[in-house]
Every structure is written in structure tokens, then in C-alpha cells.
Amino acid sequence: MYSNFFDDVQVNVSKNIDDDLVKKMGGYNLGKLLPYKAEYMSGFIAEKYSLSLNDGWYKAKMDIDDRIDNGIRRQVGGDEFRLLNKSTDYGEIKYKHVLLPMWMSAYKFKKKIYKFLVNGQTGKVSGEYPKSPIKIAGVVLTVLLLGFLIYLLISNR
């Protein structure tokens, strides 16, 4: 039997912010939450949540279910694992609507828009950026060439 308690599962309830960018930005220490004051928002724009409570709960359950599956896998161990049956009980469900400090921005480069986020609590940044296939290939070839040259130098000793 596997049992786990989940507290403060954070869910992105914005349709305008990509979930992957939010996850890469990292979570927040909810122990440092402060009661809301209007002056905190002075000069800033805040997005109202754009998912319903039911949709937010669905996203939270998907996250919880993934964590449960991973916990069961770790508990069972082994090289191969197949989860045949799982029954989950959710109890004492509570919701909190919180505003978390996050800055969002975007820039345009060569007709494509790249978005990025900054965690206002930790300063961690996540985002998209332009990648040049030619430059990436050049770096890979340079590393391979250097590795080959080092191999030649070592093998000729």
C-alpha cells in the first residue's frame, strides 16, 4: 500500500502562460505568503485566473496522480514495472486563490515571439529563446574535433 499527503499543490490557472515555462521557473515557498494588500499591485497588471475551479482541480489531480505513480514505482523498485490497478482517495480538499510574484514578458526576433517568465520570489528565469541550427552544429563539430585531436595526442604518447 502506498500513501502520501499533498499540501499546497500549485496549479497554473492561466490560459496565457505555458505550463512548461511555469514548471521550469520553479515553485514558490508558500510559507512566505502575505495577506493581500492593494498597494502590492500598484503599477502592475495582474491576470485574473482564466480556468474554472473544476478545471484547476483536474490539473491538480493530474499532477498528484503523476506523483503517486512515481512514488509507487520508487516503492516497488525493479527494472520493469507495470501498474495494473490503482485506487486513489482524495480527502479534505481545500482551495486557495493566491497571487504569486511572477513577471512575464516577450520579445520578437525574426518574426517569432519568444516568451519568458521571472519568479519574483527566487529570481529564477524560464523562457524560450532563438536557436540557430548552424551555430549548434558548429559547436558540436568543434567539440568533436577537439575530442579527436586530444585522442590523437594521447594515443601518440
C-alpha atoms as a PDB file:
ATOM      1  CA  MET A   1       0.000   0.000   0.000  1.00  0.00           C
ATOM      2  CA  TYR A   2       1.251   3.452  -0.893  1.00  0.00           C
ATOM      3  CA  SER A   3       0.102   6.555   0.960  1.00  0.00           C
ATOM      4  CA  ASN A   4       1.036  10.181   0.525  1.00  0.00           C
ATOM      5  CA  PHE A   5      -0.214  13.569   1.704  1.00  0.00           C
ATOM      6  CA  PHE A   6      -0.238  16.522  -0.685  1.00  0.00           C
ATOM      7  CA  ASP A   7      -0.315  20.070   0.577  1.00  0.00           C
ATOM      8  CA  ASP A   8      -0.320  23.257  -1.493  1.00  0.00           C
ATOM      9  CA  VAL A   9      -0.226  21.720  -4.969  1.00  0.00           C
ATOM     10  CA  GLN A  10       0.407  24.734  -7.162  1.00  0.00           C
ATOM     11  CA  VAL A  11      -1.636  24.953 -10.354  1.00  0.00           C
ATOM     12  CA  ASN A  12      -1.194  27.410 -13.186  1.00  0.00           C
ATOM     13  CA  VAL A  13      -4.717  28.670 -13.855  1.00  0.00           C
ATOM     14  CA  SER A  14      -3.788  30.973 -16.706  1.00  0.00           C
ATOM     15  CA  LYS A  15      -4.575  30.103 -20.297  1.00  0.00           C
ATOM     16  CA  ASN A  16      -1.978  32.672 -21.418  1.00  0.00           C
ATOM     17  CA  ILE A  17       1.063  31.138 -19.710  1.00  0.00           C
ATOM     18  CA  ASP A  18       2.529  27.829 -20.822  1.00  0.00           C
ATOM     19  CA  ASP A  19       2.578  25.204 -18.033  1.00  0.00           C
ATOM     20  CA  ASP A  20       6.069  24.041 -19.041  1.00  0.00           C
ATOM     21  CA  LEU A  21       7.510  27.549 -18.638  1.00  0.00           C
ATOM     22  CA  VAL A  22       5.922  27.822 -15.193  1.00  0.00           C
ATOM     23  CA  LYS A  23       7.337  24.421 -14.126  1.00  0.00           C
ATOM     24  CA  LYS A  24      10.826  25.323 -15.379  1.00  0.00           C
ATOM     25  CA  MET A  25      10.664  28.606 -13.460  1.00  0.00           C
ATOM     26  CA  GLY A  26      10.316  26.677 -10.224  1.00  0.00           C
ATOM     27  CA  GLY A  27       7.831  26.780  -7.407  1.00  0.00           C
ATOM     28  CA  TYR A  28       7.217  29.224  -4.637  1.00  0.00           C
ATOM     29  CA  ASN A  29       7.726  28.994  -0.889  1.00  0.00           C
ATOM     30  CA  LEU A  30       4.101  29.361   0.161  1.00  0.00           C
ATOM     31  CA  GLY A  31       5.187  29.708   3.779  1.00  0.00           C
ATOM     32  CA  LYS A  32       6.218  33.245   2.880  1.00  0.00           C
ATOM     33  CA  LEU A  33       2.774  34.281   1.617  1.00  0.00           C
ATOM     34  CA  LEU A  34       1.463  37.577   2.898  1.00  0.00           C
ATOM     35  CA  PRO A  35      -2.139  38.731   3.184  1.00  0.00           C
ATOM     36  CA  TYR A  36      -3.280  40.627   0.098  1.00  0.00           C
ATOM     37  CA  LYS A  37      -2.926  44.405   0.080  1.00  0.00           C
ATOM     38  CA  ALA A  38      -3.937  46.558  -2.880  1.00  0.00           C
ATOM     39  CA  GLU A  39      -0.658  48.515  -2.748  1.00  0.00           C
ATOM     40  CA  TYR A  40       1.259  45.330  -3.684  1.00  0.00           C
ATOM     41  CA  MET A  41      -0.327  45.593  -7.110  1.00  0.00           C
ATOM     42  CA  SER A  42       0.237  49.318  -7.579  1.00  0.00           C
ATOM     43  CA  GLY A  43       1.661  49.869 -11.047  1.00  0.00           C
ATOM     44  CA  PHE A  44       1.330  46.201 -12.037  1.00  0.00           C
ATOM     45  CA  ILE A  45      -1.204  44.298 -14.064  1.00  0.00           C
ATOM     46  CA  ALA A  46      -2.462  41.039 -12.639  1.00  0.00           C
ATOM     47  CA  GLU A  47      -4.231  38.394 -14.647  1.00  0.00           C
ATOM     48  CA  LYS A  48      -7.417  37.005 -13.182  1.00  0.00           C
ATOM     49  CA  TYR A  49      -7.438  33.218 -13.205  1.00  0.00           C
ATOM     50  CA  SER A  50      -8.849  32.004 -16.506  1.00  0.00           C
ATOM     51  CA  LEU A  51      -9.626  28.392 -15.599  1.00  0.00           C
ATOM     52  CA  SER A  52     -12.645  27.321 -13.619  1.00  0.00           C
ATOM     53  CA  LEU A  53     -12.281  25.749 -10.196  1.00  0.00           C
ATOM     54  CA  ASN A  54     -13.149  22.349 -11.689  1.00  0.00           C
ATOM     55  CA  ASP A  55     -10.517  22.707 -14.431  1.00  0.00           C
ATOM     56  CA  GLY A  56      -7.926  23.771 -11.854  1.00  0.00           C
ATOM     57  CA  TRP A  57      -8.802  20.761  -9.689  1.00  0.00           C
ATOM     58  CA  TYR A  58      -8.467  18.494 -12.749  1.00  0.00           C
ATOM     59  CA  LYS A  59      -4.943  19.849 -13.400  1.00  0.00           C
ATOM     60  CA  ALA A  60      -4.038  19.398  -9.719  1.00  0.00           C
ATOM     61  CA  LYS A  61      -5.312  15.794  -9.777  1.00  0.00           C
ATOM     62  CA  MET A  62      -3.219  15.042 -12.883  1.00  0.00           C
ATOM     63  CA  ASP A  63      -0.128  16.374 -11.080  1.00  0.00           C
ATOM     64  CA  ILE A  64      -0.969  14.425  -7.910  1.00  0.00           C
ATOM     65  CA  ASP A  65      -1.609  11.233  -9.912  1.00  0.00           C
ATOM     66  CA  ASP A  66       1.797  11.569 -11.614  1.00  0.00           C
ATOM     67  CA  ARG A  67       3.467  11.979  -8.222  1.00  0.00           C
ATOM     68  CA  ILE A  68       1.587   8.950  -6.859  1.00  0.00           C
ATOM     69  CA  ASP A  69       2.605   6.795  -9.852  1.00  0.00           C
ATOM     70  CA  ASN A  70       6.250   7.824  -9.384  1.00  0.00           C
ATOM     71  CA  GLY A  71       6.053   7.141  -5.642  1.00  0.00           C
ATOM     72  CA  ILE A  72       4.638   3.655  -6.261  1.00  0.00           C
ATOM     73  CA  ARG A  73       7.386   2.961  -8.808  1.00  0.00           C
ATOM     74  CA  ARG A  74      10.068   4.010  -6.312  1.00  0.00           C
ATOM     75  CA  GLN A  75       8.472   1.918  -3.553  1.00  0.00           C
ATOM     76  CA  VAL A  76       8.237  -1.222  -5.715  1.00  0.00           C
ATOM     77  CA  GLY A  77      11.600  -0.768  -7.442  1.00  0.00           C
ATOM     78  CA  GLY A  78      12.975  -3.174 -10.007  1.00  0.00           C
ATOM     79  CA  ASP A  79      13.868  -2.930 -13.658  1.00  0.00           C
ATOM     80  CA  GLU A  80      10.391  -3.373 -15.074  1.00  0.00           C
ATOM     81  CA  PHE A  81       7.129  -2.169 -13.622  1.00  0.00           C
ATOM     82  CA  ARG A  82       3.507  -2.187 -14.767  1.00  0.00           C
ATOM     83  CA  LEU A  83       0.822  -0.540 -12.677  1.00  0.00           C
ATOM     84  CA  LEU A  84      -2.236  -2.761 -13.080  1.00  0.00           C
ATOM     85  CA  ASN A  85      -4.641  -1.239 -10.588  1.00  0.00           C
ATOM     86  CA  LYS A  86      -4.683   1.948  -8.570  1.00  0.00           C
ATOM     87  CA  SER A  87      -7.413   3.421  -6.411  1.00  0.00           C
ATOM     88  CA  THR A  88      -6.957   6.966  -5.158  1.00  0.00           C
ATOM     89  CA  ASP A  89      -8.864   8.604  -2.329  1.00  0.00           C
ATOM     90  CA  TYR A  90      -8.934  12.397  -2.137  1.00  0.00           C
ATOM     91  CA  GLY A  91      -9.961  13.819   1.213  1.00  0.00           C
ATOM     92  CA  GLU A  92     -10.000  17.179   2.979  1.00  0.00           C
ATOM     93  CA  ILE A  93      -9.686  19.096  -0.285  1.00  0.00           C
ATOM     94  CA  LYS A  94      -9.158  22.824   0.172  1.00  0.00           C
ATOM     95  CA  TYR A  95      -8.508  25.586  -2.340  1.00  0.00           C
ATOM     96  CA  LYS A  96      -6.512  28.763  -2.044  1.00  0.00           C
ATOM     97  CA  HIS A  97      -6.529  31.570  -4.560  1.00  0.00           C
ATOM     98  CA  VAL A  98      -3.161  33.289  -4.345  1.00  0.00           C
ATOM     99  CA  LEU A  99      -1.347  35.871  -6.381  1.00  0.00           C
ATOM    100  CA  LEU A 100       2.273  34.876  -6.818  1.00  0.00           C
ATOM    101  CA  PRO A 101       5.008  37.304  -7.883  1.00  0.00           C
ATOM    102  CA  MET A 102       5.786  36.496 -11.493  1.00  0.00           C
ATOM    103  CA  TRP A 103       6.909  38.814 -14.234  1.00  0.00           C
ATOM    104  CA  MET A 104       6.037  37.924 -17.777  1.00  0.00           C
ATOM    105  CA  SER A 105       7.482  39.400 -20.912  1.00  0.00           C
ATOM    106  CA  ALA A 106       8.138  38.604 -24.536  1.00  0.00           C
ATOM    107  CA  TYR A 107      10.268  39.801 -27.385  1.00  0.00           C
ATOM    108  CA  LYS A 108      10.115  39.409 -31.128  1.00  0.00           C
ATOM    109  CA  PHE A 109      13.068  38.103 -33.107  1.00  0.00           C
ATOM    110  CA  LYS A 110      12.862  37.353 -36.827  1.00  0.00           C
ATOM    111  CA  LYS A 111       9.048  37.437 -36.834  1.00  0.00           C
ATOM    112  CA  LYS A 112       8.730  34.952 -33.949  1.00  0.00           C
ATOM    113  CA  ILE A 113       7.626  35.840 -30.432  1.00  0.00           C
ATOM    114  CA  TYR A 114       9.634  34.403 -27.522  1.00  0.00           C
ATOM    115  CA  LYS A 115       8.099  34.471 -24.038  1.00  0.00           C
ATOM    116  CA  PHE A 116       9.888  34.356 -20.698  1.00  0.00           C
ATOM    117  CA  LEU A 117       8.932  34.378 -17.022  1.00  0.00           C
ATOM    118  CA  VAL A 118      10.737  35.518 -13.890  1.00  0.00           C
ATOM    119  CA  ASN A 119       9.898  34.073 -10.470  1.00  0.00           C
ATOM    120  CA  GLY A 120       9.548  37.166  -8.274  1.00  0.00           C
ATOM    121  CA  GLN A 121      10.454  35.202  -5.154  1.00  0.00           C
ATOM    122  CA  THR A 122      13.556  33.310  -6.311  1.00  0.00           C
ATOM    123  CA  GLY A 123      14.616  35.281  -9.389  1.00  0.00           C
ATOM    124  CA  LYS A 124      14.723  32.104 -11.484  1.00  0.00           C
ATOM    125  CA  VAL A 125      14.033  32.709 -15.180  1.00  0.00           C
ATOM    126  CA  SER A 126      12.487  30.354 -17.701  1.00  0.00           C
ATOM    127  CA  GLY A 127      11.691  31.050 -21.277  1.00  0.00           C
ATOM    128  CA  GLU A 128      12.048  30.486 -24.935  1.00  0.00           C
ATOM    129  CA  TYR A 129      14.966  31.744 -26.959  1.00  0.00           C
ATOM    130  CA  PRO A 130      16.039  31.603 -30.593  1.00  0.00           C
ATOM    131  CA  LYS A 131      18.263  28.705 -31.535  1.00  0.00           C
ATOM    132  CA  SER A 132      20.468  28.715 -34.605  1.00  0.00           C
ATOM    133  CA  PRO A 133      20.866  25.237 -36.144  1.00  0.00           C
ATOM    134  CA  ILE A 134      24.066  26.364 -37.875  1.00  0.00           C
ATOM    135  CA  LYS A 135      25.651  27.593 -34.627  1.00  0.00           C
ATOM    136  CA  ILE A 136      24.575  24.463 -32.745  1.00  0.00           C
ATOM    137  CA  ALA A 137      26.062  22.247 -35.469  1.00  0.00           C
ATOM    138  CA  GLY A 138      29.259  24.344 -35.363  1.00  0.00           C
ATOM    139  CA  VAL A 139      29.628  23.868 -31.605  1.00  0.00           C
ATOM    140  CA  VAL A 140      29.009  20.109 -31.869  1.00  0.00           C
ATOM    141  CA  LEU A 141      31.563  19.753 -34.687  1.00  0.00           C
ATOM    142  CA  THR A 142      34.113  21.846 -32.770  1.00  0.00           C
ATOM    143  CA  VAL A 143      33.715  19.688 -29.654  1.00  0.00           C
ATOM    144  CA  LEU A 144      34.038  16.502 -31.718  1.00  0.00           C
ATOM    145  CA  LEU A 145      37.122  17.857 -33.490  1.00  0.00           C
ATOM    146  CA  LEU A 146      38.752  18.863 -30.198  1.00  0.00           C
ATOM    147  CA  GLY A 147      37.952  15.452 -28.729  1.00  0.00           C
ATOM    148  CA  PHE A 148      39.504  13.749 -31.749  1.00  0.00           C
ATOM    149  CA  LEU A 149      42.635  15.913 -31.532  1.00  0.00           C
ATOM    150  CA  ILE A 150      43.012  15.143 -27.815  1.00  0.00           C
ATOM    151  CA  TYR A 151      42.579  11.447 -28.578  1.00  0.00           C
ATOM    152  CA  LEU A 152      45.336  11.648 -31.229  1.00  0.00           C
ATOM    153  CA  LEU A 153      47.683  13.474 -28.846  1.00  0.00           C
ATOM    154  CA  ILE A 154      47.113  10.942 -26.057  1.00  0.00           C
ATOM    155  CA  SER A 155      47.353   7.873 -28.281  1.00  0.00           C
ATOM    156  CA  ASN A 156      50.693   9.017 -29.842  1.00  0.00           C
ATOM    157  CA  ARG A 157      52.483   9.112 -26.491  1.00  0.00           C
END
